[in-house]
Amino acid sequence: MHGLPNGFDAGFLVGKTLEEISFTANTVYFGFGDGVSVTVLSSLQHLLPSEREGSNVQTVPLSESKLMQIVNHCVVGARGESVGTLVISFDNGHSLFVFDDDPHYETYWIRQNGKEIIV
């Protein structure tokens, strides 16, 4: 668990539209345009509006997903939690949690205009 940097502000995601999701054998890539992306190598949780709790945490590689339901939706909230979790909320009521849950390896990358944060 590498964690997010002290003072991390995820506010740069607010107002961005999720333009692309790509799946590979080892990653899930979320492209927001304008040089902003999140690449997940570990675990995530996608909550639909009707699932405020209890949704399964999925580990990369994903064998199935409903993530396509957040493509072309705008980020209305984003925050980093002290345990390293990145939480992104979308205008359709969906939420995405990206976890820092592997003590030995990187779990996700955040890219913003040439800068990279490796968690």
PDB file of N, CA and C in Angstrom:
ATOM      1  N   MET A   1       0.838  -1.170   0.000  1.00  0.00           N
ATOM      2  CA  MET A   1       0.000   0.000   0.000  1.00  0.00           C
ATOM      3  C   MET A   1       0.888   1.240   0.000  1.00  0.00           C
ATOM      4  N   HIS A   2       0.927   1.905  -1.115  1.00  0.00           N
ATOM      5  CA  HIS A   2       1.772   3.081  -1.261  1.00  0.00           C
ATOM      6  C   HIS A   2       1.054   4.342  -0.822  1.00  0.00           C
ATOM      7  N   GLY A   3      -0.254   4.355  -0.981  1.00  0.00           N
ATOM      8  CA  GLY A   3      -1.059   5.494  -0.562  1.00  0.00           C
ATOM      9  C   GLY A   3      -1.004   6.665  -1.523  1.00  0.00           C
ATOM     10  N   LEU A   4      -1.931   7.564  -1.327  1.00  0.00           N
ATOM     11  CA  LEU A   4      -1.967   8.813  -2.073  1.00  0.00           C
ATOM     12  C   LEU A   4      -1.036   9.809  -1.398  1.00  0.00           C
ATOM     13  N   PRO A   5      -0.495  10.749  -2.150  1.00  0.00           N
ATOM     14  CA  PRO A   5       0.378  11.754  -1.536  1.00  0.00           C
ATOM     15  C   PRO A   5      -0.373  12.593  -0.500  1.00  0.00           C
ATOM     16  N   ASN A   6       0.345  13.066   0.507  1.00  0.00           N
ATOM     17  CA  ASN A   6      -0.258  13.968   1.489  1.00  0.00           C
ATOM     18  C   ASN A   6      -0.829  15.181   0.760  1.00  0.00           C
ATOM     19  N   GLY A   7      -2.016  15.567   1.158  1.00  0.00           N
ATOM     20  CA  GLY A   7      -2.646  16.740   0.557  1.00  0.00           C
ATOM     21  C   GLY A   7      -3.220  16.497  -0.828  1.00  0.00           C
ATOM     22  N   PHE A   8      -3.347  15.229  -1.233  1.00  0.00           N
ATOM     23  CA  PHE A   8      -3.888  14.922  -2.567  1.00  0.00           C
ATOM     24  C   PHE A   8      -5.288  15.511  -2.704  1.00  0.00           C
ATOM     25  N   ASP A   9      -5.515  16.218  -3.810  1.00  0.00           N
ATOM     26  CA  ASP A   9      -6.808  16.826  -4.109  1.00  0.00           C
ATOM     27  C   ASP A   9      -7.296  16.265  -5.436  1.00  0.00           C
ATOM     28  N   ALA A  10      -8.357  15.488  -5.394  1.00  0.00           N
ATOM     29  CA  ALA A  10      -8.914  14.865  -6.598  1.00  0.00           C
ATOM     30  C   ALA A  10      -9.858  15.796  -7.343  1.00  0.00           C
ATOM     31  N   GLY A  11      -9.941  17.048  -6.928  1.00  0.00           N
ATOM     32  CA  GLY A  11     -10.856  18.004  -7.538  1.00  0.00           C
ATOM     33  C   GLY A  11     -10.654  18.227  -9.024  1.00  0.00           C
ATOM     34  N   PHE A  12      -9.449  17.948  -9.538  1.00  0.00           N
ATOM     35  CA  PHE A  12      -9.199  18.118 -10.973  1.00  0.00           C
ATOM     36  C   PHE A  12     -10.058  17.189 -11.818  1.00  0.00           C
ATOM     37  N   LEU A  13     -10.615  16.123 -11.224  1.00  0.00           N
ATOM     38  CA  LEU A  13     -11.492  15.202 -11.954  1.00  0.00           C
ATOM     39  C   LEU A  13     -12.911  15.756 -12.111  1.00  0.00           C
ATOM     40  N   VAL A  14     -13.335  16.611 -11.198  1.00  0.00           N
ATOM     41  CA  VAL A  14     -14.703  17.137 -11.222  1.00  0.00           C
ATOM     42  C   VAL A  14     -14.903  17.962 -12.494  1.00  0.00           C
ATOM     43  N   GLY A  15     -15.996  17.654 -13.177  1.00  0.00           N
ATOM     44  CA  GLY A  15     -16.309  18.325 -14.435  1.00  0.00           C
ATOM     45  C   GLY A  15     -15.796  17.587 -15.658  1.00  0.00           C
ATOM     46  N   LYS A  16     -14.923  16.595 -15.452  1.00  0.00           N
ATOM     47  CA  LYS A  16     -14.411  15.795 -16.573  1.00  0.00           C
ATOM     48  C   LYS A  16     -15.439  14.737 -16.952  1.00  0.00           C
ATOM     49  N   THR A  17     -15.510  14.452 -18.227  1.00  0.00           N
ATOM     50  CA  THR A  17     -16.376  13.387 -18.725  1.00  0.00           C
ATOM     51  C   THR A  17     -15.540  12.159 -19.009  1.00  0.00           C
ATOM     52  N   LEU A  18     -15.999  11.002 -18.545  1.00  0.00           N
ATOM     53  CA  LEU A  18     -15.300   9.751 -18.831  1.00  0.00           C
ATOM     54  C   LEU A  18     -15.526   9.407 -20.301  1.00  0.00           C
ATOM     55  N   GLU A  19     -14.470   9.492 -21.095  1.00  0.00           N
ATOM     56  CA  GLU A  19     -14.569   9.291 -22.536  1.00  0.00           C
ATOM     57  C   GLU A  19     -14.279   7.868 -22.965  1.00  0.00           C
ATOM     58  N   GLU A  20     -13.489   7.142 -22.169  1.00  0.00           N
ATOM     59  CA  GLU A  20     -13.018   5.835 -22.629  1.00  0.00           C
ATOM     60  C   GLU A  20     -12.749   4.911 -21.455  1.00  0.00           C
ATOM     61  N   ILE A  21     -13.121   3.646 -21.622  1.00  0.00           N
ATOM     62  CA  ILE A  21     -12.693   2.583 -20.717  1.00  0.00           C
ATOM     63  C   ILE A  21     -12.085   1.493 -21.589  1.00  0.00           C
ATOM     64  N   SER A  22     -10.883   1.069 -21.231  1.00  0.00           N
ATOM     65  CA  SER A  22     -10.201  -0.004 -21.958  1.00  0.00           C
ATOM     66  C   SER A  22      -9.832  -1.101 -20.975  1.00  0.00           C
ATOM     67  N   PHE A  23      -9.978  -2.333 -21.418  1.00  0.00           N
ATOM     68  CA  PHE A  23      -9.660  -3.499 -20.600  1.00  0.00           C
ATOM     69  C   PHE A  23      -8.494  -4.243 -21.228  1.00  0.00           C
ATOM     70  N   THR A  24      -7.493  -4.588 -20.430  1.00  0.00           N
ATOM     71  CA  THR A  24      -6.415  -5.463 -20.876  1.00  0.00           C
ATOM     72  C   THR A  24      -6.322  -6.613 -19.877  1.00  0.00           C
ATOM     73  N   ALA A  25      -5.372  -7.497 -20.100  1.00  0.00           N
ATOM     74  CA  ALA A  25      -5.197  -8.627 -19.194  1.00  0.00           C
ATOM     75  C   ALA A  25      -4.808  -8.174 -17.790  1.00  0.00           C
ATOM     76  N   ASN A  26      -4.149  -7.025 -17.676  1.00  0.00           N
ATOM     77  CA  ASN A  26      -3.617  -6.607 -16.376  1.00  0.00           C
ATOM     78  C   ASN A  26      -4.103  -5.252 -15.888  1.00  0.00           C
ATOM     79  N   THR A  27      -4.941  -4.556 -16.672  1.00  0.00           N
ATOM     80  CA  THR A  27      -5.366  -3.216 -16.288  1.00  0.00           C
ATOM     81  C   THR A  27      -6.797  -2.917 -16.735  1.00  0.00           C
ATOM     82  N   VAL A  28      -7.366  -1.911 -16.098  1.00  0.00           N
ATOM     83  CA  VAL A  28      -8.571  -1.248 -16.603  1.00  0.00           C
ATOM     84  C   VAL A  28      -8.202   0.230 -16.674  1.00  0.00           C
ATOM     85  N   TYR A  29      -8.371   0.812 -17.844  1.00  0.00           N
ATOM     86  CA  TYR A  29      -7.967   2.188 -18.103  1.00  0.00           C
ATOM     87  C   TYR A  29      -9.214   3.060 -18.224  1.00  0.00           C
ATOM     88  N   PHE A  30      -9.226   4.194 -17.490  1.00  0.00           N
ATOM     89  CA  PHE A  30     -10.314   5.162 -17.538  1.00  0.00           C
ATOM     90  C   PHE A  30      -9.743   6.462 -18.103  1.00  0.00           C
ATOM     91  N   GLY A  31     -10.169   6.841 -19.296  1.00  0.00           N
ATOM     92  CA  GLY A  31      -9.670   8.047 -19.949  1.00  0.00           C
ATOM     93  C   GLY A  31     -10.680   9.169 -19.870  1.00  0.00           C
ATOM     94  N   PHE A  32     -10.266  10.288 -19.287  1.00  0.00           N
ATOM     95  CA  PHE A  32     -11.150  11.439 -19.092  1.00  0.00           C
ATOM     96  C   PHE A  32     -10.864  12.559 -20.076  1.00  0.00           C
ATOM     97  N   GLY A  33      -9.918  12.375 -20.985  1.00  0.00           N
ATOM     98  CA  GLY A  33      -9.549  13.437 -21.910  1.00  0.00           C
ATOM     99  C   GLY A  33      -8.674  14.469 -21.235  1.00  0.00           C
ATOM    100  N   ASP A  34      -8.161  15.402 -22.021  1.00  0.00           N
ATOM    101  CA  ASP A  34      -7.321  16.487 -21.512  1.00  0.00           C
ATOM    102  C   ASP A  34      -6.129  15.987 -20.696  1.00  0.00           C
ATOM    103  N   GLY A  35      -5.596  14.818 -21.047  1.00  0.00           N
ATOM    104  CA  GLY A  35      -4.424  14.296 -20.358  1.00  0.00           C
ATOM    105  C   GLY A  35      -4.699  13.713 -18.989  1.00  0.00           C
ATOM    106  N   VAL A  36      -5.960  13.422 -18.673  1.00  0.00           N
ATOM    107  CA  VAL A  36      -6.327  12.882 -17.368  1.00  0.00           C
ATOM    108  C   VAL A  36      -6.791  11.444 -17.530  1.00  0.00           C
ATOM    109  N   SER A  37      -6.194  10.541 -16.737  1.00  0.00           N
ATOM    110  CA  SER A  37      -6.595   9.133 -16.775  1.00  0.00           C
ATOM    111  C   SER A  37      -6.295   8.460 -15.446  1.00  0.00           C
ATOM    112  N   VAL A  38      -6.958   7.335 -15.236  1.00  0.00           N
ATOM    113  CA  VAL A  38      -6.709   6.467 -14.091  1.00  0.00           C
ATOM    114  C   VAL A  38      -6.559   5.063 -14.652  1.00  0.00           C
ATOM    115  N   THR A  39      -5.469   4.404 -14.313  1.00  0.00           N
ATOM    116  CA  THR A  39      -5.226   3.028 -14.745  1.00  0.00           C
ATOM    117  C   THR A  39      -5.202   2.150 -13.505  1.00  0.00           C
ATOM    118  N   VAL A  40      -6.082   1.163 -13.471  1.00  0.00           N
ATOM    119  CA  VAL A  40      -6.233   0.291 -12.303  1.00  0.00           C
ATOM    120  C   VAL A  40      -5.532  -1.034 -12.573  1.00  0.00           C
ATOM    121  N   LEU A  41      -4.690  -1.443 -11.631  1.00  0.00           N
ATOM    122  CA  LEU A  41      -3.971  -2.705 -11.729  1.00  0.00           C
ATOM    123  C   LEU A  41      -4.422  -3.699 -10.667  1.00  0.00           C
ATOM    124  N   SER A  42      -5.253  -3.297  -9.743  1.00  0.00           N
ATOM    125  CA  SER A  42      -5.593  -4.132  -8.603  1.00  0.00           C
ATOM    126  C   SER A  42      -7.101  -4.335  -8.488  1.00  0.00           C
ATOM    127  N   SER A  43      -7.740  -3.621  -7.574  1.00  0.00           N
ATOM    128  CA  SER A  43      -9.158  -3.848  -7.275  1.00  0.00           C
ATOM    129  C   SER A  43      -9.968  -2.569  -7.403  1.00  0.00           C
ATOM    130  N   LEU A  44     -11.232  -2.752  -7.767  1.00  0.00           N
ATOM    131  CA  LEU A  44     -12.158  -1.636  -7.861  1.00  0.00           C
ATOM    132  C   LEU A  44     -13.547  -2.099  -7.496  1.00  0.00           C
ATOM    133  N   GLN A  45     -14.397  -1.123  -7.218  1.00  0.00           N
ATOM    134  CA  GLN A  45     -15.802  -1.396  -6.934  1.00  0.00           C
ATOM    135  C   GLN A  45     -16.631  -0.356  -7.668  1.00  0.00           C
ATOM    136  N   HIS A  46     -17.603  -0.828  -8.413  1.00  0.00           N
ATOM    137  CA  HIS A  46     -18.503   0.043  -9.163  1.00  0.00           C
ATOM    138  C   HIS A  46     -19.880  -0.090  -8.536  1.00  0.00           C
ATOM    139  N   LEU A  47     -20.373   1.011  -7.981  1.00  0.00           N
ATOM    140  CA  LEU A  47     -21.695   1.002  -7.358  1.00  0.00           C
ATOM    141  C   LEU A  47     -22.702   1.694  -8.260  1.00  0.00           C
ATOM    142  N   LEU A  48     -23.779   0.992  -8.548  1.00  0.00           N
ATOM    143  CA  LEU A  48     -24.910   1.570  -9.266  1.00  0.00           C
ATOM    144  C   LEU A  48     -25.750   2.356  -8.272  1.00  0.00           C
ATOM    145  N   PRO A  49     -26.604   3.278  -8.729  1.00  0.00           N
ATOM    146  CA  PRO A  49     -27.408   4.071  -7.791  1.00  0.00           C
ATOM    147  C   PRO A  49     -28.226   3.215  -6.828  1.00  0.00           C
ATOM    148  N   SER A  50     -28.683   2.059  -7.272  1.00  0.00           N
ATOM    149  CA  SER A  50     -29.501   1.185  -6.429  1.00  0.00           C
ATOM    150  C   SER A  50     -28.662   0.339  -5.471  1.00  0.00           C
ATOM    151  N   GLU A  51     -27.339   0.390  -5.590  1.00  0.00           N
ATOM    152  CA  GLU A  51     -26.441  -0.432  -4.764  1.00  0.00           C
ATOM    153  C   GLU A  51     -25.559   0.457  -3.902  1.00  0.00           C
ATOM    154  N   ARG A  52     -26.092   1.045  -2.903  1.00  0.00           N
ATOM    155  CA  ARG A  52     -25.292   1.930  -2.055  1.00  0.00           C
ATOM    156  C   ARG A  52     -24.299   1.156  -1.196  1.00  0.00           C
ATOM    157  N   GLU A  53     -24.550  -0.114  -0.971  1.00  0.00           N
ATOM    158  CA  GLU A  53     -23.622  -0.952  -0.212  1.00  0.00           C
ATOM    159  C   GLU A  53     -23.681  -2.367  -0.744  1.00  0.00           C
ATOM    160  N   GLY A  54     -22.660  -3.146  -0.450  1.00  0.00           N
ATOM    161  CA  GLY A  54     -22.698  -4.575  -0.715  1.00  0.00           C
ATOM    162  C   GLY A  54     -22.304  -5.016  -2.102  1.00  0.00           C
ATOM    163  N   SER A  55     -21.964  -4.110  -2.985  1.00  0.00           N
ATOM    164  CA  SER A  55     -21.527  -4.511  -4.312  1.00  0.00           C
ATOM    165  C   SER A  55     -20.168  -5.196  -4.203  1.00  0.00           C
ATOM    166  N   ASN A  56     -19.951  -6.169  -5.047  1.00  0.00           N
ATOM    167  CA  ASN A  56     -18.699  -6.919  -4.994  1.00  0.00           C
ATOM    168  C   ASN A  56     -17.510  -6.088  -5.448  1.00  0.00           C
ATOM    169  N   VAL A  57     -16.412  -6.267  -4.762  1.00  0.00           N
ATOM    170  CA  VAL A  57     -15.146  -5.697  -5.197  1.00  0.00           C
ATOM    171  C   VAL A  57     -14.607  -6.623  -6.278  1.00  0.00           C
ATOM    172  N   GLN A  58     -14.167  -6.049  -7.387  1.00  0.00           N
ATOM    173  CA  GLN A  58     -13.636  -6.825  -8.500  1.00  0.00           C
ATOM    174  C   GLN A  58     -12.133  -6.631  -8.581  1.00  0.00           C
ATOM    175  N   THR A  59     -11.443  -7.682  -8.963  1.00  0.00           N
ATOM    176  CA  THR A  59      -9.993  -7.637  -9.095  1.00  0.00           C
ATOM    177  C   THR A  59      -9.633  -7.767 -10.564  1.00  0.00           C
ATOM    178  N   VAL A  60      -8.665  -6.973 -11.008  1.00  0.00           N
ATOM    179  CA  VAL A  60      -8.179  -7.027 -12.384  1.00  0.00           C
ATOM    180  C   VAL A  60      -7.380  -8.315 -12.555  1.00  0.00           C
ATOM    181  N   PRO A  61      -7.587  -9.070 -13.639  1.00  0.00           N
ATOM    182  CA  PRO A  61      -8.430  -8.772 -14.798  1.00  0.00           C
ATOM    183  C   PRO A  61      -9.906  -9.053 -14.506  1.00  0.00           C
ATOM    184  N   LEU A  62     -10.768  -8.242 -15.100  1.00  0.00           N
ATOM    185  CA  LEU A  62     -12.202  -8.407 -14.910  1.00  0.00           C
ATOM    186  C   LEU A  62     -12.746  -9.416 -15.906  1.00  0.00           C
ATOM    187  N   SER A  63     -13.628 -10.275 -15.434  1.00  0.00           N
ATOM    188  CA  SER A  63     -14.259 -11.236 -16.338  1.00  0.00           C
ATOM    189  C   SER A  63     -15.606 -10.728 -16.838  1.00  0.00           C
ATOM    190  N   GLU A  64     -16.180  -9.761 -16.117  1.00  0.00           N
ATOM    191  CA  GLU A  64     -17.414  -9.110 -16.556  1.00  0.00           C
ATOM    192  C   GLU A  64     -17.499  -7.751 -15.864  1.00  0.00           C
ATOM    193  N   SER A  65     -18.310  -6.867 -16.432  1.00  0.00           N
ATOM    194  CA  SER A  65     -18.353  -5.521 -15.895  1.00  0.00           C
ATOM    195  C   SER A  65     -19.589  -4.773 -16.379  1.00  0.00           C
ATOM    196  N   LYS A  66     -20.034  -3.840 -15.550  1.00  0.00           N
ATOM    197  CA  LYS A  66     -21.085  -2.901 -15.932  1.00  0.00           C
ATOM    198  C   LYS A  66     -20.504  -1.496 -16.050  1.00  0.00           C
ATOM    199  N   LEU A  67     -19.182  -1.411 -16.093  1.00  0.00           N
ATOM    200  CA  LEU A  67     -18.508  -0.117 -16.131  1.00  0.00           C
ATOM    201  C   LEU A  67     -18.879   0.724 -17.347  1.00  0.00           C
ATOM    202  N   MET A  68     -19.302   0.093 -18.430  1.00  0.00           N
ATOM    203  CA  MET A  68     -19.653   0.858 -19.618  1.00  0.00           C
ATOM    204  C   MET A  68     -20.793   1.840 -19.347  1.00  0.00           C
ATOM    205  N   GLN A  69     -21.539   1.631 -18.259  1.00  0.00           N
ATOM    206  CA  GLN A  69     -22.650   2.520 -17.908  1.00  0.00           C
ATOM    207  C   GLN A  69     -22.184   3.893 -17.434  1.00  0.00           C
ATOM    208  N   ILE A  70     -20.880   4.049 -17.163  1.00  0.00           N
ATOM    209  CA  ILE A  70     -20.387   5.370 -16.741  1.00  0.00           C
ATOM    210  C   ILE A  70     -19.669   6.121 -17.863  1.00  0.00           C
ATOM    211  N   VAL A  71     -19.484   5.466 -19.011  1.00  0.00           N
ATOM    212  CA  VAL A  71     -18.872   6.151 -20.152  1.00  0.00           C
ATOM    213  C   VAL A  71     -19.789   7.274 -20.605  1.00  0.00           C
ATOM    214  N   ASN A  72     -19.195   8.397 -20.939  1.00  0.00           N
ATOM    215  CA  ASN A  72     -19.897   9.598 -21.390  1.00  0.00           C
ATOM    216  C   ASN A  72     -20.686  10.273 -20.269  1.00  0.00           C
ATOM    217  N   HIS A  73     -20.300   9.997 -19.030  1.00  0.00           N
ATOM    218  CA  HIS A  73     -20.908  10.680 -17.893  1.00  0.00           C
ATOM    219  C   HIS A  73     -19.864  11.546 -17.209  1.00  0.00           C
ATOM    220  N   CYS A  74     -20.339  12.607 -16.602  1.00  0.00           N
ATOM    221  CA  CYS A  74     -19.492  13.631 -16.005  1.00  0.00           C
ATOM    222  C   CYS A  74     -19.230  13.333 -14.528  1.00  0.00           C
ATOM    223  N   VAL A  75     -18.012  13.613 -14.096  1.00  0.00           N
ATOM    224  CA  VAL A  75     -17.638  13.473 -12.690  1.00  0.00           C
ATOM    225  C   VAL A  75     -18.213  14.646 -11.899  1.00  0.00           C
ATOM    226  N   VAL A  76     -18.982  14.319 -10.854  1.00  0.00           N
ATOM    227  CA  VAL A  76     -19.573  15.361 -10.011  1.00  0.00           C
ATOM    228  C   VAL A  76     -18.909  15.425  -8.635  1.00  0.00           C
ATOM    229  N   GLY A  77     -18.095  14.438  -8.328  1.00  0.00           N
ATOM    230  CA  GLY A  77     -17.378  14.431  -7.058  1.00  0.00           C
ATOM    231  C   GLY A  77     -16.199  13.483  -7.137  1.00  0.00           C
ATOM    232  N   ALA A  78     -15.117  13.831  -6.468  1.00  0.00           N
ATOM    233  CA  ALA A  78     -13.938  12.963  -6.431  1.00  0.00           C
ATOM    234  C   ALA A  78     -13.148  13.275  -5.173  1.00  0.00           C
ATOM    235  N   ARG A  79     -12.655  12.213  -4.547  1.00  0.00           N
ATOM    236  CA  ARG A  79     -11.858  12.410  -3.340  1.00  0.00           C
ATOM    237  C   ARG A  79     -10.901  11.235  -3.148  1.00  0.00           C
ATOM    238  N   GLY A  80      -9.849  11.512  -2.438  1.00  0.00           N
ATOM    239  CA  GLY A  80      -8.928  10.474  -2.020  1.00  0.00           C
ATOM    240  C   GLY A  80      -9.119  10.239  -0.543  1.00  0.00           C
ATOM    241  N   GLU A  81      -9.173   8.984  -0.142  1.00  0.00           N
ATOM    242  CA  GLU A  81      -9.337   8.649   1.273  1.00  0.00           C
ATOM    243  C   GLU A  81      -7.986   8.322   1.891  1.00  0.00           C
ATOM    244  N   SER A  82      -7.903   8.407   3.207  1.00  0.00           N
ATOM    245  CA  SER A  82      -6.632   8.223   3.910  1.00  0.00           C
ATOM    246  C   SER A  82      -6.023   6.843   3.693  1.00  0.00           C
ATOM    247  N   VAL A  83      -6.832   5.840   3.396  1.00  0.00           N
ATOM    248  CA  VAL A  83      -6.311   4.491   3.162  1.00  0.00           C
ATOM    249  C   VAL A  83      -5.843   4.299   1.717  1.00  0.00           C
ATOM    250  N   GLY A  84      -5.912   5.372   0.917  1.00  0.00           N
ATOM    251  CA  GLY A  84      -5.437   5.301  -0.457  1.00  0.00           C
ATOM    252  C   GLY A  84      -6.519   5.044  -1.486  1.00  0.00           C
ATOM    253  N   THR A  85      -7.762   4.949  -1.071  1.00  0.00           N
ATOM    254  CA  THR A  85      -8.865   4.711  -1.998  1.00  0.00           C
ATOM    255  C   THR A  85      -9.219   5.994  -2.733  1.00  0.00           C
ATOM    256  N   LEU A  86      -9.383   5.886  -4.052  1.00  0.00           N
ATOM    257  CA  LEU A  86      -9.864   6.988  -4.881  1.00  0.00           C
ATOM    258  C   LEU A  86     -11.344   6.746  -5.128  1.00  0.00           C
ATOM    259  N   VAL A  87     -12.177   7.747  -4.827  1.00  0.00           N
ATOM    260  CA  VAL A  87     -13.627   7.631  -5.001  1.00  0.00           C
ATOM    261  C   VAL A  87     -14.066   8.669  -6.023  1.00  0.00           C
ATOM    262  N   ILE A  88     -14.752   8.196  -7.076  1.00  0.00           N
ATOM    263  CA  ILE A  88     -15.230   9.072  -8.138  1.00  0.00           C
ATOM    264  C   ILE A  88     -16.741   8.888  -8.272  1.00  0.00           C
ATOM    265  N   SER A  89     -17.488   9.985  -8.220  1.00  0.00           N
ATOM    266  CA  SER A  89     -18.947   9.953  -8.357  1.00  0.00           C
ATOM    267  C   SER A  89     -19.337  10.595  -9.682  1.00  0.00           C
ATOM    268  N   PHE A  90     -20.319  10.003 -10.349  1.00  0.00           N
ATOM    269  CA  PHE A  90     -20.740  10.441 -11.675  1.00  0.00           C
ATOM    270  C   PHE A  90     -22.154  11.021 -11.649  1.00  0.00           C
ATOM    271  N   ASP A  91     -22.480  11.797 -12.676  1.00  0.00           N
ATOM    272  CA  ASP A  91     -23.770  12.480 -12.751  1.00  0.00           C
ATOM    273  C   ASP A  91     -24.958  11.543 -12.922  1.00  0.00           C
ATOM    274  N   ASN A  92     -24.730  10.269 -13.207  1.00  0.00           N
ATOM    275  CA  ASN A  92     -25.829   9.310 -13.313  1.00  0.00           C
ATOM    276  C   ASN A  92     -26.037   8.533 -12.014  1.00  0.00           C
ATOM    277  N   GLY A  93     -25.374   8.964 -10.932  1.00  0.00           N
ATOM    278  CA  GLY A  93     -25.553   8.323  -9.634  1.00  0.00           C
ATOM    279  C   GLY A  93     -24.618   7.161  -9.367  1.00  0.00           C
ATOM    280  N   HIS A  94     -23.799   6.794 -10.329  1.00  0.00           N
ATOM    281  CA  HIS A  94     -22.848   5.704 -10.149  1.00  0.00           C
ATOM    282  C   HIS A  94     -21.612   6.211  -9.410  1.00  0.00           C
ATOM    283  N   SER A  95     -20.950   5.301  -8.713  1.00  0.00           N
ATOM    284  CA  SER A  95     -19.703   5.626  -8.020  1.00  0.00           C
ATOM    285  C   SER A  95     -18.663   4.566  -8.337  1.00  0.00           C
ATOM    286  N   LEU A  96     -17.412   5.002  -8.409  1.00  0.00           N
ATOM    287  CA  LEU A  96     -16.288   4.119  -8.665  1.00  0.00           C
ATOM    288  C   LEU A  96     -15.294   4.267  -7.521  1.00  0.00           C
ATOM    289  N   PHE A  97     -14.938   3.146  -6.903  1.00  0.00           N
ATOM    290  CA  PHE A  97     -13.941   3.105  -5.842  1.00  0.00           C
ATOM    291  C   PHE A  97     -12.735   2.349  -6.383  1.00  0.00           C
ATOM    292  N   VAL A  98     -11.560   2.960  -6.304  1.00  0.00           N
ATOM    293  CA  VAL A  98     -10.317   2.329  -6.743  1.00  0.00           C
ATOM    294  C   VAL A  98      -9.470   2.149  -5.492  1.00  0.00           C
ATOM    295  N   PHE A  99      -9.103   0.896  -5.197  1.00  0.00           N
ATOM    296  CA  PHE A  99      -8.482   0.566  -3.918  1.00  0.00           C
ATOM    297  C   PHE A  99      -6.965   0.435  -4.004  1.00  0.00           C
ATOM    298  N   ASP A 100      -6.316   0.863  -2.955  1.00  0.00           N
ATOM    299  CA  ASP A 100      -4.887   0.649  -2.745  1.00  0.00           C
ATOM    300  C   ASP A 100      -4.779  -0.516  -1.768  1.00  0.00           C
ATOM    301  N   ASP A 101      -4.861  -1.736  -2.303  1.00  0.00           N
ATOM    302  CA  ASP A 101      -4.996  -2.905  -1.426  1.00  0.00           C
ATOM    303  C   ASP A 101      -3.906  -3.964  -1.606  1.00  0.00           C
ATOM    304  N   ASP A 102      -2.810  -3.607  -2.222  1.00  0.00           N
ATOM    305  CA  ASP A 102      -1.705  -4.556  -2.364  1.00  0.00           C
ATOM    306  C   ASP A 102      -0.451  -3.945  -1.741  1.00  0.00           C
ATOM    307  N   PRO A 103       0.065  -4.552  -0.674  1.00  0.00           N
ATOM    308  CA  PRO A 103       1.205  -3.948   0.019  1.00  0.00           C
ATOM    309  C   PRO A 103       2.533  -4.048  -0.735  1.00  0.00           C
ATOM    310  N   HIS A 104       2.574  -4.847  -1.809  1.00  0.00           N
ATOM    311  CA  HIS A 104       3.840  -5.092  -2.488  1.00  0.00           C
ATOM    312  C   HIS A 104       3.965  -4.445  -3.864  1.00  0.00           C
ATOM    313  N   TYR A 105       2.850  -4.121  -4.493  1.00  0.00           N
ATOM    314  CA  TYR A 105       2.880  -3.633  -5.867  1.00  0.00           C
ATOM    315  C   TYR A 105       2.016  -2.388  -6.025  1.00  0.00           C
ATOM    316  N   GLU A 106       2.237  -1.691  -7.134  1.00  0.00           N
ATOM    317  CA  GLU A 106       1.388  -0.550  -7.470  1.00  0.00           C
ATOM    318  C   GLU A 106      -0.038  -1.052  -7.684  1.00  0.00           C
ATOM    319  N   THR A 107      -1.005  -0.236  -7.297  1.00  0.00           N
ATOM    320  CA  THR A 107      -2.398  -0.641  -7.455  1.00  0.00           C
ATOM    321  C   THR A 107      -3.146   0.193  -8.495  1.00  0.00           C
ATOM    322  N   TYR A 108      -2.755   1.455  -8.636  1.00  0.00           N
ATOM    323  CA  TYR A 108      -3.321   2.277  -9.712  1.00  0.00           C
ATOM    324  C   TYR A 108      -2.432   3.481  -9.956  1.00  0.00           C
ATOM    325  N   TRP A 109      -2.610   4.057 -11.135  1.00  0.00           N
ATOM    326  CA  TRP A 109      -1.875   5.249 -11.549  1.00  0.00           C
ATOM    327  C   TRP A 109      -2.876   6.336 -11.883  1.00  0.00           C
ATOM    328  N   ILE A 110      -2.544   7.542 -11.523  1.00  0.00           N
ATOM    329  CA  ILE A 110      -3.336   8.703 -11.920  1.00  0.00           C
ATOM    330  C   ILE A 110      -2.434   9.570 -12.784  1.00  0.00           C
ATOM    331  N   ARG A 111      -2.914   9.929 -13.965  1.00  0.00           N
ATOM    332  CA  ARG A 111      -2.154  10.828 -14.835  1.00  0.00           C
ATOM    333  C   ARG A 111      -2.955  12.106 -15.032  1.00  0.00           C
ATOM    334  N   GLN A 112      -2.230  13.221 -14.905  1.00  0.00           N
ATOM    335  CA  GLN A 112      -2.851  14.527 -15.111  1.00  0.00           C
ATOM    336  C   GLN A 112      -1.847  15.417 -15.819  1.00  0.00           C
ATOM    337  N   ASN A 113      -2.082  15.655 -17.098  1.00  0.00           N
ATOM    338  CA  ASN A 113      -1.261  16.575 -17.889  1.00  0.00           C
ATOM    339  C   ASN A 113       0.246  16.335 -17.735  1.00  0.00           C
ATOM    340  N   GLY A 114       0.669  15.103 -17.949  1.00  0.00           N
ATOM    341  CA  GLY A 114       2.083  14.774 -17.898  1.00  0.00           C
ATOM    342  C   GLY A 114       2.606  14.400 -16.526  1.00  0.00           C
ATOM    343  N   LYS A 115       1.858  14.658 -15.478  1.00  0.00           N
ATOM    344  CA  LYS A 115       2.249  14.256 -14.128  1.00  0.00           C
ATOM    345  C   LYS A 115       1.641  12.891 -13.828  1.00  0.00           C
ATOM    346  N   GLU A 116       2.364  12.097 -13.066  1.00  0.00           N
ATOM    347  CA  GLU A 116       1.870  10.765 -12.746  1.00  0.00           C
ATOM    348  C   GLU A 116       1.985  10.510 -11.252  1.00  0.00           C
ATOM    349  N   ILE A 117       0.921  10.007 -10.669  1.00  0.00           N
ATOM    350  CA  ILE A 117       0.923   9.575  -9.279  1.00  0.00           C
ATOM    351  C   ILE A 117       0.756   8.064  -9.302  1.00  0.00           C
ATOM    352  N   ILE A 118       1.699   7.372  -8.720  1.00  0.00           N
ATOM    353  CA  ILE A 118       1.626   5.909  -8.649  1.00  0.00           C
ATOM    354  C   ILE A 118       1.279   5.525  -7.225  1.00  0.00           C
ATOM    355  N   VAL A 119       0.172   4.834  -7.091  1.00  0.00           N
ATOM    356  CA  VAL A 119      -0.320   4.434  -5.766  1.00  0.00           C
ATOM    357  C   VAL A 119      -0.084   2.943  -5.575  1.00  0.00           C
TER     358      VAL A 119
END
